[in-house]
mmCIF file of all heavy atoms, coordinates in Angstrom:
data_MODEL
# 
_entry.id   MODEL 
# 
loop_
_atom_site.group_PDB 
_atom_site.id 
_atom_site.type_symbol 
_atom_site.label_atom_id 
_atom_site.label_alt_id 
_atom_site.label_comp_id 
_atom_site.label_asym_id 
_atom_site.label_entity_id 
_atom_site.label_seq_id 
_atom_site.pdbx_PDB_ins_code 
_atom_site.Cartn_x 
_atom_site.Cartn_y 
_atom_site.Cartn_z 
_atom_site.occupancy 
_atom_site.B_iso_or_equiv 
_atom_site.pdbx_formal_charge 
_atom_site.auth_seq_id 
_atom_site.auth_comp_id 
_atom_site.auth_asym_id 
_atom_site.auth_atom_id 
_atom_site.pdbx_PDB_model_num 
ATOM 1   N N   . ALA A 1 1  ? 0.829  -1.198  0.009   1.00 0.00 ? 1  ALA A N   1 
ATOM 2   C CA  . ALA A 1 1  ? -0.009 0.003   -0.003  1.00 0.00 ? 1  ALA A CA  1 
ATOM 3   C C   . ALA A 1 1  ? 0.866  1.247   0.004   1.00 0.00 ? 1  ALA A C   1 
ATOM 4   O O   . ALA A 1 1  ? 0.594  2.224   -0.730  1.00 0.00 ? 1  ALA A O   1 
ATOM 5   C CB  . ALA A 1 1  ? -0.931 -0.014  1.227   1.00 0.00 ? 1  ALA A CB  1 
ATOM 6   N N   . THR A 1 2  ? 1.917  1.261   0.791   1.00 0.00 ? 2  THR A N   1 
ATOM 7   C CA  . THR A 1 2  ? 2.784  2.413   0.846   1.00 0.00 ? 2  THR A CA  1 
ATOM 8   C C   . THR A 1 2  ? 3.524  2.625   -0.472  1.00 0.00 ? 2  THR A C   1 
ATOM 9   O O   . THR A 1 2  ? 3.760  3.758   -0.912  1.00 0.00 ? 2  THR A O   1 
ATOM 10  C CB  . THR A 1 2  ? 3.803  2.269   1.985   1.00 0.00 ? 2  THR A CB  1 
ATOM 11  O OG1 . THR A 1 2  ? 3.093  1.984   3.203   1.00 0.00 ? 2  THR A OG1 1 
ATOM 12  C CG2 . THR A 1 2  ? 4.620  3.538   2.181   1.00 0.00 ? 2  THR A CG2 1 
ATOM 13  N N   . LEU A 1 3  ? 3.901  1.542   -1.128  1.00 0.00 ? 3  LEU A N   1 
ATOM 14  C CA  . LEU A 1 3  ? 4.543  1.630   -2.431  1.00 0.00 ? 3  LEU A CA  1 
ATOM 15  C C   . LEU A 1 3  ? 3.619  2.350   -3.414  1.00 0.00 ? 3  LEU A C   1 
ATOM 16  O O   . LEU A 1 3  ? 4.066  3.248   -4.159  1.00 0.00 ? 3  LEU A O   1 
ATOM 17  C CB  . LEU A 1 3  ? 4.897  0.244   -2.961  1.00 0.00 ? 3  LEU A CB  1 
ATOM 18  C CG  . LEU A 1 3  ? 5.539  0.208   -4.336  1.00 0.00 ? 3  LEU A CG  1 
ATOM 19  C CD1 . LEU A 1 3  ? 6.909  0.870   -4.334  1.00 0.00 ? 3  LEU A CD1 1 
ATOM 20  C CD2 . LEU A 1 3  ? 5.681  -1.255  -4.809  1.00 0.00 ? 3  LEU A CD2 1 
ATOM 21  N N   . SER A 1 4  ? 2.333  2.010   -3.414  1.00 0.00 ? 4  SER A N   1 
ATOM 22  C CA  . SER A 1 4  ? 1.387  2.671   -4.317  1.00 0.00 ? 4  SER A CA  1 
ATOM 23  C C   . SER A 1 4  ? 1.202  4.141   -3.931  1.00 0.00 ? 4  SER A C   1 
ATOM 24  O O   . SER A 1 4  ? 1.081  5.017   -4.807  1.00 0.00 ? 4  SER A O   1 
ATOM 25  C CB  . SER A 1 4  ? 0.038  1.958   -4.252  1.00 0.00 ? 4  SER A CB  1 
ATOM 26  O OG  . SER A 1 4  ? 0.133  0.659   -4.809  1.00 0.00 ? 4  SER A OG  1 
ATOM 27  N N   . ALA A 1 5  ? 1.197  4.433   -2.642  1.00 0.00 ? 5  ALA A N   1 
ATOM 28  C CA  . ALA A 1 5  ? 1.084  5.833   -2.199  1.00 0.00 ? 5  ALA A CA  1 
ATOM 29  C C   . ALA A 1 5  ? 2.283  6.650   -2.663  1.00 0.00 ? 5  ALA A C   1 
ATOM 30  O O   . ALA A 1 5  ? 2.132  7.785   -3.112  1.00 0.00 ? 5  ALA A O   1 
ATOM 31  C CB  . ALA A 1 5  ? 0.957  5.859   -0.683  1.00 0.00 ? 5  ALA A CB  1 
ATOM 32  N N   . PHE A 1 6  ? 3.474  6.063   -2.583  1.00 0.00 ? 6  PHE A N   1 
ATOM 33  C CA  . PHE A 1 6  ? 4.672  6.765   -3.026  1.00 0.00 ? 6  PHE A CA  1 
ATOM 34  C C   . PHE A 1 6  ? 4.639  7.029   -4.531  1.00 0.00 ? 6  PHE A C   1 
ATOM 35  O O   . PHE A 1 6  ? 5.029  8.094   -5.005  1.00 0.00 ? 6  PHE A O   1 
ATOM 36  C CB  . PHE A 1 6  ? 5.939  5.968   -2.661  1.00 0.00 ? 6  PHE A CB  1 
ATOM 37  C CG  . PHE A 1 6  ? 6.569  6.403   -1.362  1.00 0.00 ? 6  PHE A CG  1 
ATOM 38  C CD1 . PHE A 1 6  ? 5.850  6.396   -0.185  1.00 0.00 ? 6  PHE A CD1 1 
ATOM 39  C CD2 . PHE A 1 6  ? 7.885  6.825   -1.328  1.00 0.00 ? 6  PHE A CD2 1 
ATOM 40  C CE1 . PHE A 1 6  ? 6.439  6.814   1.024   1.00 0.00 ? 6  PHE A CE1 1 
ATOM 41  C CE2 . PHE A 1 6  ? 8.471  7.238   -0.156  1.00 0.00 ? 6  PHE A CE2 1 
ATOM 42  C CZ  . PHE A 1 6  ? 7.756  7.260   1.028   1.00 0.00 ? 6  PHE A CZ  1 
ATOM 43  N N   . LYS A 1 7  ? 4.158  6.054   -5.282  1.00 0.00 ? 7  LYS A N   1 
ATOM 44  C CA  . LYS A 1 7  ? 4.053  6.232   -6.738  1.00 0.00 ? 7  LYS A CA  1 
ATOM 45  C C   . LYS A 1 7  ? 3.082  7.375   -7.040  1.00 0.00 ? 7  LYS A C   1 
ATOM 46  O O   . LYS A 1 7  ? 3.352  8.205   -7.938  1.00 0.00 ? 7  LYS A O   1 
ATOM 47  C CB  . LYS A 1 7  ? 3.586  4.940   -7.362  1.00 0.00 ? 7  LYS A CB  1 
ATOM 48  C CG  . LYS A 1 7  ? 3.444  5.007   -8.892  1.00 0.00 ? 7  LYS A CG  1 
ATOM 49  C CD  . LYS A 1 7  ? 4.790  5.160   -9.563  1.00 0.00 ? 7  LYS A CD  1 
ATOM 50  C CE  . LYS A 1 7  ? 4.669  5.055   -11.084 1.00 0.00 ? 7  LYS A CE  1 
ATOM 51  N NZ  . LYS A 1 7  ? 5.961  5.208   -11.771 1.00 0.00 ? 7  LYS A NZ  1 
ATOM 52  N N   . THR A 1 8  ? 1.954  7.447   -6.338  1.00 0.00 ? 8  THR A N   1 
ATOM 53  C CA  . THR A 1 8  ? 0.983  8.481   -6.554  1.00 0.00 ? 8  THR A CA  1 
ATOM 54  C C   . THR A 1 8  ? 1.575  9.838   -6.231  1.00 0.00 ? 8  THR A C   1 
ATOM 55  O O   . THR A 1 8  ? 1.420  10.810  -7.009  1.00 0.00 ? 8  THR A O   1 
ATOM 56  C CB  . THR A 1 8  ? -0.276 8.220   -5.677  1.00 0.00 ? 8  THR A CB  1 
ATOM 57  O OG1 . THR A 1 8  ? -0.780 6.933   -5.961  1.00 0.00 ? 8  THR A OG1 1 
ATOM 58  C CG2 . THR A 1 8  ? -1.337 9.265   -5.935  1.00 0.00 ? 8  THR A CG2 1 
ATOM 59  N N   . LEU A 1 9  ? 2.240  9.969   -5.092  1.00 0.00 ? 9  LEU A N   1 
ATOM 60  C CA  . LEU A 1 9  ? 2.843  11.238  -4.698  1.00 0.00 ? 9  LEU A CA  1 
ATOM 61  C C   . LEU A 1 9  ? 3.977  11.644  -5.634  1.00 0.00 ? 9  LEU A C   1 
ATOM 62  O O   . LEU A 1 9  ? 4.160  12.835  -5.901  1.00 0.00 ? 9  LEU A O   1 
ATOM 63  C CB  . LEU A 1 9  ? 3.354  11.148  -3.260  1.00 0.00 ? 9  LEU A CB  1 
ATOM 64  C CG  . LEU A 1 9  ? 2.307  11.158  -2.165  1.00 0.00 ? 9  LEU A CG  1 
ATOM 65  C CD1 . LEU A 1 9  ? 2.923  10.781  -0.814  1.00 0.00 ? 9  LEU A CD1 1 
ATOM 66  C CD2 . LEU A 1 9  ? 1.651  12.534  -2.061  1.00 0.00 ? 9  LEU A CD2 1 
ATOM 67  N N   . ALA A 1 10 ? 4.741  10.660  -6.104  1.00 0.00 ? 10 ALA A N   1 
ATOM 68  C CA  . ALA A 1 10 ? 5.862  10.954  -6.980  1.00 0.00 ? 10 ALA A CA  1 
ATOM 69  C C   . ALA A 1 10 ? 5.391  11.671  -8.249  1.00 0.00 ? 10 ALA A C   1 
ATOM 70  O O   . ALA A 1 10 ? 6.027  12.665  -8.678  1.00 0.00 ? 10 ALA A O   1 
ATOM 71  C CB  . ALA A 1 10 ? 6.606  9.680   -7.340  1.00 0.00 ? 10 ALA A CB  1 
ATOM 72  N N   . ARG A 1 11 ? 4.292  11.235  -8.795  1.00 0.00 ? 11 ARG A N   1 
ATOM 73  C CA  . ARG A 1 11 ? 3.786  11.880  -10.021 1.00 0.00 ? 11 ARG A CA  1 
ATOM 74  C C   . ARG A 1 11 ? 3.289  13.308  -9.729  1.00 0.00 ? 11 ARG A C   1 
ATOM 75  O O   . ARG A 1 11 ? 3.479  14.215  -10.532 1.00 0.00 ? 11 ARG A O   1 
ATOM 76  C CB  . ARG A 1 11 ? 2.646  11.030  -10.607 1.00 0.00 ? 11 ARG A CB  1 
ATOM 77  C CG  . ARG A 1 11 ? 3.096  9.673   -11.132 1.00 0.00 ? 11 ARG A CG  1 
ATOM 78  C CD  . ARG A 1 11 ? 1.914  8.860   -11.595 1.00 0.00 ? 11 ARG A CD  1 
ATOM 79  N NE  . ARG A 1 11 ? 1.229  9.496   -12.712 1.00 0.00 ? 11 ARG A NE  1 
ATOM 80  C CZ  . ARG A 1 11 ? 1.571  9.319   -14.005 1.00 0.00 ? 11 ARG A CZ  1 
ATOM 81  N NH1 . ARG A 1 11 ? 2.600  8.550   -14.308 1.00 0.00 ? 11 ARG A NH1 1 
ATOM 82  N NH2 . ARG A 1 11 ? 0.899  9.906   -14.975 1.00 0.00 ? 11 ARG A NH2 1 
ATOM 83  N N   . ASP A 1 12 ? 2.730  13.479  -8.550  1.00 0.00 ? 12 ASP A N   1 
ATOM 84  C CA  . ASP A 1 12 ? 2.173  14.777  -8.180  1.00 0.00 ? 12 ASP A CA  1 
ATOM 85  C C   . ASP A 1 12 ? 3.272  15.808  -7.896  1.00 0.00 ? 12 ASP A C   1 
ATOM 86  O O   . ASP A 1 12 ? 3.105  17.010  -8.151  1.00 0.00 ? 12 ASP A O   1 
ATOM 87  C CB  . ASP A 1 12 ? 1.290  14.625  -6.969  1.00 0.00 ? 12 ASP A CB  1 
ATOM 88  C CG  . ASP A 1 12 ? 0.522  15.899  -6.654  1.00 0.00 ? 12 ASP A CG  1 
ATOM 89  O OD1 . ASP A 1 12 ? -0.310 16.325  -7.453  1.00 0.00 ? 12 ASP A OD1 1 
ATOM 90  O OD2 . ASP A 1 12 ? 0.753  16.450  -5.540  1.00 0.00 ? 12 ASP A OD2 1 
ATOM 91  N N   . LEU A 1 13 ? 4.424  15.338  -7.361  1.00 0.00 ? 13 LEU A N   1 
ATOM 92  C CA  . LEU A 1 13 ? 5.475  16.251  -6.905  1.00 0.00 ? 13 LEU A CA  1 
ATOM 93  C C   . LEU A 1 13 ? 6.669  16.334  -7.830  1.00 0.00 ? 13 LEU A C   1 
ATOM 94  O O   . LEU A 1 13 ? 7.599  17.090  -7.566  1.00 0.00 ? 13 LEU A O   1 
ATOM 95  C CB  . LEU A 1 13 ? 5.938  15.820  -5.506  1.00 0.00 ? 13 LEU A CB  1 
ATOM 96  C CG  . LEU A 1 13 ? 4.896  15.896  -4.397  1.00 0.00 ? 13 LEU A CG  1 
ATOM 97  C CD1 . LEU A 1 13 ? 5.377  15.169  -3.143  1.00 0.00 ? 13 LEU A CD1 1 
ATOM 98  C CD2 . LEU A 1 13 ? 4.547  17.334  -4.083  1.00 0.00 ? 13 LEU A CD2 1 
ATOM 99  N N   . ALA A 1 14 ? 6.650  15.596  -8.898  1.00 0.00 ? 14 ALA A N   1 
ATOM 100 C CA  . ALA A 1 14 ? 7.824  15.527  -9.774  1.00 0.00 ? 14 ALA A CA  1 
ATOM 101 C C   . ALA A 1 14 ? 8.239  16.866  -10.328 1.00 0.00 ? 14 ALA A C   1 
ATOM 102 O O   . ALA A 1 14 ? 9.441  17.139  -10.551 1.00 0.00 ? 14 ALA A O   1 
ATOM 103 C CB  . ALA A 1 14 ? 7.563  14.540  -10.923 1.00 0.00 ? 14 ALA A CB  1 
ATOM 104 N N   . GLY A 1 15 ? 7.275  17.770  -10.572 1.00 0.00 ? 15 GLY A N   1 
ATOM 105 C CA  . GLY A 1 15 ? 7.591  19.044  -11.138 1.00 0.00 ? 15 GLY A CA  1 
ATOM 106 C C   . GLY A 1 15 ? 8.078  20.064  -10.140 1.00 0.00 ? 15 GLY A C   1 
ATOM 107 O O   . GLY A 1 15 ? 8.380  21.216  -10.505 1.00 0.00 ? 15 GLY A O   1 
ATOM 108 N N   . GLU A 1 16 ? 8.195  19.674  -8.850  1.00 0.00 ? 16 GLU A N   1 
ATOM 109 C CA  . GLU A 1 16 ? 8.616  20.599  -7.812  1.00 0.00 ? 16 GLU A CA  1 
ATOM 110 C C   . GLU A 1 16 ? 10.000 20.286  -7.248  1.00 0.00 ? 16 GLU A C   1 
ATOM 111 O O   . GLU A 1 16 ? 10.364 20.767  -6.189  1.00 0.00 ? 16 GLU A O   1 
ATOM 112 C CB  . GLU A 1 16 ? 7.575  20.599  -6.682  1.00 0.00 ? 16 GLU A CB  1 
ATOM 113 C CG  . GLU A 1 16 ? 6.172  21.003  -7.123  1.00 0.00 ? 16 GLU A CG  1 
ATOM 114 C CD  . GLU A 1 16 ? 5.210  21.130  -5.972  1.00 0.00 ? 16 GLU A CD  1 
ATOM 115 O OE1 . GLU A 1 16 ? 5.525  21.875  -5.026  1.00 0.00 ? 16 GLU A OE1 1 
ATOM 116 O OE2 . GLU A 1 16 ? 4.178  20.453  -6.004  1.00 0.00 ? 16 GLU A OE2 1 
ATOM 117 N N   . GLY A 1 17 ? 10.753 19.446  -7.960  1.00 0.00 ? 17 GLY A N   1 
ATOM 118 C CA  . GLY A 1 17 ? 12.087 19.109  -7.494  1.00 0.00 ? 17 GLY A CA  1 
ATOM 119 C C   . GLY A 1 17 ? 12.114 18.130  -6.341  1.00 0.00 ? 17 GLY A C   1 
ATOM 120 O O   . GLY A 1 17 ? 13.129 18.002  -5.663  1.00 0.00 ? 17 GLY A O   1 
ATOM 121 N N   . ILE A 1 18 ? 10.993 17.435  -6.143  1.00 0.00 ? 18 ILE A N   1 
ATOM 122 C CA  . ILE A 1 18 ? 10.887 16.476  -5.014  1.00 0.00 ? 18 ILE A CA  1 
ATOM 123 C C   . ILE A 1 18 ? 10.679 15.091  -5.572  1.00 0.00 ? 18 ILE A C   1 
ATOM 124 O O   . ILE A 1 18 ? 9.781  14.848  -6.380  1.00 0.00 ? 18 ILE A O   1 
ATOM 125 C CB  . ILE A 1 18 ? 9.715  16.855  -4.094  1.00 0.00 ? 18 ILE A CB  1 
ATOM 126 C CG1 . ILE A 1 18 ? 9.887  18.267  -3.530  1.00 0.00 ? 18 ILE A CG1 1 
ATOM 127 C CG2 . ILE A 1 18 ? 9.548  15.834  -2.960  1.00 0.00 ? 18 ILE A CG2 1 
ATOM 128 C CD1 . ILE A 1 18 ? 8.661  18.818  -2.862  1.00 0.00 ? 18 ILE A CD1 1 
ATOM 129 N N   . THR A 1 19 ? 11.539 14.153  -5.174  1.00 0.00 ? 19 THR A N   1 
ATOM 130 C CA  . THR A 1 19 ? 11.438 12.791  -5.659  1.00 0.00 ? 19 THR A CA  1 
ATOM 131 C C   . THR A 1 19 ? 11.039 11.860  -4.526  1.00 0.00 ? 19 THR A C   1 
ATOM 132 O O   . THR A 1 19 ? 11.393 12.077  -3.335  1.00 0.00 ? 19 THR A O   1 
ATOM 133 C CB  . THR A 1 19 ? 12.757 12.295  -6.255  1.00 0.00 ? 19 THR A CB  1 
ATOM 134 O OG1 . THR A 1 19 ? 13.759 12.224  -5.226  1.00 0.00 ? 19 THR A OG1 1 
ATOM 135 C CG2 . THR A 1 19 ? 13.239 13.221  -7.373  1.00 0.00 ? 19 THR A CG2 1 
ATOM 136 N N   . LEU A 1 20 ? 10.292 10.820  -4.859  1.00 0.00 ? 20 LEU A N   1 
ATOM 137 C CA  . LEU A 1 20 ? 9.895  9.774   -3.907  1.00 0.00 ? 20 LEU A CA  1 
ATOM 138 C C   . LEU A 1 20 ? 10.189 8.426   -4.514  1.00 0.00 ? 20 LEU A C   1 
ATOM 139 O O   . LEU A 1 20 ? 9.692  8.108   -5.604  1.00 0.00 ? 20 LEU A O   1 
ATOM 140 C CB  . LEU A 1 20 ? 8.396  9.845   -3.555  1.00 0.00 ? 20 LEU A CB  1 
ATOM 141 C CG  . LEU A 1 20 ? 7.941  11.084  -2.781  1.00 0.00 ? 20 LEU A CG  1 
ATOM 142 C CD1 . LEU A 1 20 ? 7.415  12.162  -3.712  1.00 0.00 ? 20 LEU A CD1 1 
ATOM 143 C CD2 . LEU A 1 20 ? 6.871  10.687  -1.763  1.00 0.00 ? 20 LEU A CD2 1 
ATOM 144 N N   . ASN A 1 21 ? 11.029 7.661   -3.828  1.00 0.00 ? 21 ASN A N   1 
ATOM 145 C CA  . ASN A 1 21 ? 11.412 6.357   -4.317  1.00 0.00 ? 21 ASN A CA  1 
ATOM 146 C C   . ASN A 1 21 ? 11.379 5.333   -3.180  1.00 0.00 ? 21 ASN A C   1 
ATOM 147 O O   . ASN A 1 21 ? 11.336 5.712   -2.010  1.00 0.00 ? 21 ASN A O   1 
ATOM 148 C CB  . ASN A 1 21 ? 12.815 6.388   -4.954  1.00 0.00 ? 21 ASN A CB  1 
ATOM 149 C CG  . ASN A 1 21 ? 12.832 7.191   -6.224  1.00 0.00 ? 21 ASN A CG  1 
ATOM 150 O OD1 . ASN A 1 21 ? 12.267 6.809   -7.238  1.00 0.00 ? 21 ASN A OD1 1 
ATOM 151 N ND2 . ASN A 1 21 ? 13.507 8.350   -6.178  1.00 0.00 ? 21 ASN A ND2 1 
ATOM 152 N N   . THR A 1 22 ? 11.387 4.085   -3.563  1.00 0.00 ? 22 THR A N   1 
ATOM 153 C CA  . THR A 1 22 ? 11.312 3.000   -2.593  1.00 0.00 ? 22 THR A CA  1 
ATOM 154 C C   . THR A 1 22 ? 12.423 1.985   -2.867  1.00 0.00 ? 22 THR A C   1 
ATOM 155 O O   . THR A 1 22 ? 12.722 1.705   -4.022  1.00 0.00 ? 22 THR A O   1 
ATOM 156 C CB  . THR A 1 22 ? 9.948  2.262   -2.681  1.00 0.00 ? 22 THR A CB  1 
ATOM 157 O OG1 . THR A 1 22 ? 8.893  3.205   -2.491  1.00 0.00 ? 22 THR A OG1 1 
ATOM 158 C CG2 . THR A 1 22 ? 9.836  1.166   -1.650  1.00 0.00 ? 22 THR A CG2 1 
ATOM 159 N N   . VAL A 1 23 ? 13.063 1.534   -1.808  1.00 0.00 ? 23 VAL A N   1 
ATOM 160 C CA  . VAL A 1 23 ? 14.020 0.439   -1.959  1.00 0.00 ? 23 VAL A CA  1 
ATOM 161 C C   . VAL A 1 23 ? 13.389 -0.836  -1.421  1.00 0.00 ? 23 VAL A C   1 
ATOM 162 O O   . VAL A 1 23 ? 12.667 -0.807  -0.411  1.00 0.00 ? 23 VAL A O   1 
ATOM 163 C CB  . VAL A 1 23 ? 15.377 0.726   -1.260  1.00 0.00 ? 23 VAL A CB  1 
ATOM 164 C CG1 . VAL A 1 23 ? 16.139 1.804   -2.021  1.00 0.00 ? 23 VAL A CG1 1 
ATOM 165 C CG2 . VAL A 1 23 ? 15.191 1.086   0.186   1.00 0.00 ? 23 VAL A CG2 1 
ATOM 166 N N   . LEU A 1 24 ? 13.677 -1.933  -2.090  1.00 0.00 ? 24 LEU A N   1 
ATOM 167 C CA  . LEU A 1 24 ? 13.082 -3.219  -1.739  1.00 0.00 ? 24 LEU A CA  1 
ATOM 168 C C   . LEU A 1 24 ? 14.204 -4.191  -1.357  1.00 0.00 ? 24 LEU A C   1 
ATOM 169 O O   . LEU A 1 24 ? 14.773 -4.883  -2.193  1.00 0.00 ? 24 LEU A O   1 
ATOM 170 C CB  . LEU A 1 24 ? 12.296 -3.791  -2.937  1.00 0.00 ? 24 LEU A CB  1 
ATOM 171 C CG  . LEU A 1 24 ? 11.277 -2.864  -3.600  1.00 0.00 ? 24 LEU A CG  1 
ATOM 172 C CD1 . LEU A 1 24 ? 10.592 -3.577  -4.766  1.00 0.00 ? 24 LEU A CD1 1 
ATOM 173 C CD2 . LEU A 1 24 ? 10.237 -2.397  -2.589  1.00 0.00 ? 24 LEU A CD2 1 
ATOM 174 N N   . PRO A 1 25 ? 14.545 -4.213  -0.055  1.00 0.00 ? 25 PRO A N   1 
ATOM 175 C CA  . PRO A 1 25 ? 15.614 -5.124  0.378   1.00 0.00 ? 25 PRO A CA  1 
ATOM 176 C C   . PRO A 1 25 ? 15.180 -6.577  0.275   1.00 0.00 ? 25 PRO A C   1 
ATOM 177 O O   . PRO A 1 25 ? 14.020 -6.929  0.518   1.00 0.00 ? 25 PRO A O   1 
ATOM 178 C CB  . PRO A 1 25 ? 15.812 -4.750  1.844   1.00 0.00 ? 25 PRO A CB  1 
ATOM 179 C CG  . PRO A 1 25 ? 15.070 -3.452  2.044   1.00 0.00 ? 25 PRO A CG  1 
ATOM 180 C CD  . PRO A 1 25 ? 13.988 -3.429  1.038   1.00 0.00 ? 25 PRO A CD  1 
ATOM 181 N N   . GLY A 1 26 ? 16.143 -7.408  -0.062  1.00 0.00 ? 26 GLY A N   1 
ATOM 182 C CA  . GLY A 1 26 ? 15.950 -8.834  0.019   1.00 0.00 ? 26 GLY A CA  1 
ATOM 183 C C   . GLY A 1 26 ? 16.446 -9.329  1.371   1.00 0.00 ? 26 GLY A C   1 
ATOM 184 O O   . GLY A 1 26 ? 16.096 -8.765  2.392   1.00 0.00 ? 26 GLY A O   1 
ATOM 185 N N   . ARG A 1 27 ? 17.231 -10.350 1.366   1.00 0.00 ? 27 ARG A N   1 
ATOM 186 C CA  . ARG A 1 27 ? 17.731 -10.911 2.606   1.00 0.00 ? 27 ARG A CA  1 
ATOM 187 C C   . ARG A 1 27 ? 19.005 -10.163 3.035   1.00 0.00 ? 27 ARG A C   1 
ATOM 188 O O   . ARG A 1 27 ? 20.087 -10.455 2.565   1.00 0.00 ? 27 ARG A O   1 
ATOM 189 C CB  . ARG A 1 27 ? 17.981 -12.385 2.464   1.00 0.00 ? 27 ARG A CB  1 
ATOM 190 C CG  . ARG A 1 27 ? 16.699 -13.167 2.137   1.00 0.00 ? 27 ARG A CG  1 
ATOM 191 C CD  . ARG A 1 27 ? 16.918 -14.631 2.014   1.00 0.00 ? 27 ARG A CD  1 
ATOM 192 N NE  . ARG A 1 27 ? 15.731 -15.301 1.552   1.00 0.00 ? 27 ARG A NE  1 
ATOM 193 C CZ  . ARG A 1 27 ? 15.634 -16.612 1.261   1.00 0.00 ? 27 ARG A CZ  1 
ATOM 194 N NH1 . ARG A 1 27 ? 16.724 -17.373 1.406   1.00 0.00 ? 27 ARG A NH1 1 
ATOM 195 N NH2 . ARG A 1 27 ? 14.509 -17.110 0.837   1.00 0.00 ? 27 ARG A NH2 1 
# 
């Protein structure tokens, strides 16, 4: 759910110099 929220916010804020990304750790 948080991954989807970050994707939504990333599109909204991309034009303001603000990036939102997610890292997916394995083991």
